[in-house]
Amino acid sequence: MSLGNRLFHARKKCGLSQEDVAEKLGVSRQTISKWETDETLPDIRQSKRMALLYKMSLDDLIDFDVDVKEIQEIIEKTDERTEEKIDWTEAWGKKYPILIRYQNQVDIQKYATQLELILDALKAEYEYNDLDTFLVLKDILAKLWGSRKK
């Protein structure tokens, strides 16, 4: 996503018009438009003022990814009862069909037994509750996956 596109989405997320931002920054609406279409770039002072106006850090504004921010906000707002209604295997299985297929191919109990030993060891050694133990194991697996992708 280009910087201009990031500026556009950050402004829209705050519910501001180009005119609103221009007025608050002391520039023309056309200047805001040029920034958002990547015709020109705001200087560092204007960028910092925009970040403050949009209630984000300058780093966040520069790296602003509307999809990631929306997903993060949805996760934060999702309560436990709603989470329980979601079939995560089915939901992710649409993107990753292996999540549906493997269940008829893999000896799940064999691997579940081995994973249970790992979970029990984590829980005992660090005195985690069940949920925290699963989250830690999930995170360890994610880090392992990240290191293998390199």
Protein backbone atom coordinates (compact mmCIF):
# COMPACT_ATOMS: atom_id res chain seq x y z
CA MET A 1 0.00 0.00 0.00
CA SER A 2 1.42 3.41 -0.95
CA LEU A 3 1.87 6.24 1.55
CA GLY A 4 -0.90 8.19 -0.15
CA ASN A 5 -3.26 5.25 0.18
CA ARG A 6 -2.31 4.90 3.86
CA LEU A 7 -3.03 8.60 4.44
CA PHE A 8 -6.39 8.26 2.69
CA HIS A 9 -7.45 5.24 4.75
CA ALA A 10 -6.25 6.76 8.03
CA ARG A 11 -8.23 9.94 7.30
CA LYS A 12 -11.36 7.97 6.38
CA LYS A 13 -11.02 5.84 9.50
CA CYS A 14 -11.18 9.04 11.56
CA GLY A 15 -14.26 10.22 9.67
CA LEU A 16 -12.59 13.36 8.40
CA SER A 17 -12.95 14.99 4.99
CA GLN A 18 -10.03 16.38 3.02
CA GLU A 19 -11.41 19.84 3.86
CA ASP A 20 -11.38 19.04 7.60
CA VAL A 21 -7.76 17.90 7.49
CA ALA A 22 -6.68 20.82 5.29
CA GLU A 23 -8.23 23.31 7.68
CA LYS A 24 -6.62 21.74 10.75
CA LEU A 25 -3.19 21.57 9.07
CA GLY A 26 -3.39 25.00 7.43
CA VAL A 27 -3.05 23.73 3.88
CA SER A 28 -5.41 23.52 0.90
CA ARG A 29 -7.74 20.62 0.20
CA GLN A 30 -5.82 20.12 -3.05
CA THR A 31 -2.63 19.59 -1.03
CA ILE A 32 -4.32 16.81 0.96
CA SER A 33 -5.54 15.30 -2.32
CA LYS A 34 -2.02 15.38 -3.79
CA TRP A 35 -0.62 13.67 -0.69
CA GLU A 36 -3.30 10.97 -0.88
CA THR A 37 -2.71 10.34 -4.59
CA ASP A 38 1.08 10.24 -4.18
CA GLU A 39 1.58 13.30 -6.41
CA THR A 40 3.52 14.98 -3.60
CA LEU A 41 4.66 14.08 -0.10
CA PRO A 42 3.90 15.91 3.15
CA ASP A 43 6.93 17.21 4.99
CA ILE A 44 7.87 15.61 8.29
CA ARG A 45 6.14 18.30 10.39
CA GLN A 46 2.88 17.93 8.46
CA SER A 47 3.16 14.15 8.70
CA LYS A 48 3.57 14.36 12.46
CA ARG A 49 0.58 16.71 12.73
CA MET A 50 -1.50 14.32 10.61
CA ALA A 51 -0.52 11.40 12.82
CA LEU A 52 -1.65 13.36 15.89
CA LEU A 53 -4.87 14.35 14.14
CA TYR A 54 -5.53 10.71 13.23
CA LYS A 55 -4.65 9.64 16.80
CA MET A 56 -1.73 7.42 15.83
CA SER A 57 2.03 7.51 15.96
CA LEU A 58 3.97 8.65 12.93
CA ASP A 59 5.33 5.11 12.54
CA ASP A 60 1.80 3.71 12.61
CA LEU A 61 0.64 6.26 10.05
CA ILE A 62 3.48 5.41 7.69
CA ASP A 63 2.87 1.67 8.11
CA PHE A 64 -0.93 1.98 8.33
CA ASP A 65 -2.60 -1.10 6.88
CA VAL A 66 -6.37 -0.75 7.00
CA ASP A 67 -6.98 -4.49 6.70
CA VAL A 68 -4.68 -5.38 9.59
CA LYS A 69 -6.09 -2.59 11.78
CA GLU A 70 -9.67 -3.69 11.07
CA ILE A 71 -8.87 -7.31 11.89
CA GLN A 72 -7.14 -6.28 15.12
CA GLU A 73 -10.14 -4.15 16.14
CA ILE A 74 -12.57 -6.96 15.38
CA ILE A 75 -10.51 -9.38 17.48
CA GLU A 76 -10.43 -6.91 20.39
CA LYS A 77 -14.20 -6.42 20.22
CA THR A 78 -15.10 -10.11 19.93
CA ASP A 79 -16.38 -11.54 23.18
CA GLU A 80 -15.97 -15.13 24.34
CA ARG A 81 -19.59 -16.10 23.57
CA THR A 82 -19.20 -15.00 19.96
CA GLU A 83 -15.89 -16.84 19.64
CA GLU A 84 -17.55 -20.06 20.79
CA LYS A 85 -20.06 -19.80 17.93
CA ILE A 86 -17.33 -19.74 15.29
CA ASP A 87 -16.15 -23.00 13.77
CA TRP A 88 -12.54 -21.92 13.26
CA THR A 89 -11.61 -25.06 11.33
CA GLU A 90 -14.40 -24.44 8.84
CA ALA A 91 -13.64 -20.71 8.64
CA TRP A 92 -9.90 -21.18 8.01
CA GLY A 93 -10.60 -24.31 5.95
CA LYS A 94 -12.04 -22.10 3.20
CA LYS A 95 -8.63 -20.51 2.79
CA TYR A 96 -6.59 -23.59 3.71
CA PRO A 97 -8.50 -26.73 2.57
CA ILE A 98 -5.93 -28.99 4.25
CA LEU A 99 -7.64 -28.12 7.56
CA ILE A 100 -10.70 -30.01 6.34
CA ARG A 101 -8.91 -32.81 4.44
CA TYR A 102 -6.34 -33.87 7.03
CA GLN A 103 -9.00 -35.10 9.45
CA ASN A 104 -9.61 -38.15 7.25
CA GLN A 105 -5.91 -38.76 6.59
CA VAL A 106 -3.99 -38.22 9.82
CA ASP A 107 -3.97 -40.37 12.94
CA ILE A 108 -5.11 -37.44 15.09
CA GLN A 109 -5.00 -39.35 18.37
CA LYS A 110 -1.35 -40.28 17.85
CA TYR A 111 -0.31 -36.64 17.53
CA ALA A 112 -2.80 -35.43 20.13
CA THR A 113 -1.17 -37.70 22.70
CA GLN A 114 2.27 -36.27 21.93
CA LEU A 115 0.95 -32.70 22.04
CA GLU A 116 -0.77 -33.37 25.35
CA LEU A 117 2.58 -34.30 26.86
CA ILE A 118 4.04 -31.00 25.66
CA LEU A 119 1.04 -29.07 27.00
CA ASP A 120 1.25 -30.81 30.37
CA ALA A 121 4.98 -30.02 30.62
CA LEU A 122 4.41 -26.34 29.80
CA LYS A 123 1.54 -26.11 32.26
CA ALA A 124 3.50 -27.75 35.08
CA GLU A 125 6.77 -25.93 34.51
CA TYR A 126 5.31 -22.43 34.18
CA GLU A 127 2.04 -22.87 36.12
CA TYR A 128 -0.06 -21.67 33.19
CA ASN A 129 -3.80 -22.21 33.04
CA ASP A 130 -5.18 -24.33 30.18
CA LEU A 131 -5.89 -21.42 27.84
CA ASP A 132 -2.49 -19.80 28.39
CA THR A 133 -0.77 -23.15 27.84
CA PHE A 134 -2.52 -23.62 24.48
CA LEU A 135 -1.74 -20.04 23.44
CA VAL A 136 1.94 -20.45 24.31
CA LEU A 137 2.15 -23.69 22.31
CA LYS A 138 0.35 -22.03 19.39
CA ASP A 139 2.84 -19.17 19.51
CA ILE A 140 5.80 -21.54 19.66
CA LEU A 141 4.46 -23.34 16.58
CA ALA A 142 3.95 -20.00 14.78
CA LYS A 143 7.56 -19.00 15.52
CA LEU A 144 8.77 -22.39 14.29
CA TRP A 145 6.73 -21.94 11.11
CA GLY A 146 8.21 -18.45 10.62
CA SER A 147 11.75 -19.74 10.99
CA ARG A 148 11.11 -22.54 8.46
CA LYS A 149 9.69 -20.14 5.88
CA LYS A 150 12.97 -18.20 5.72
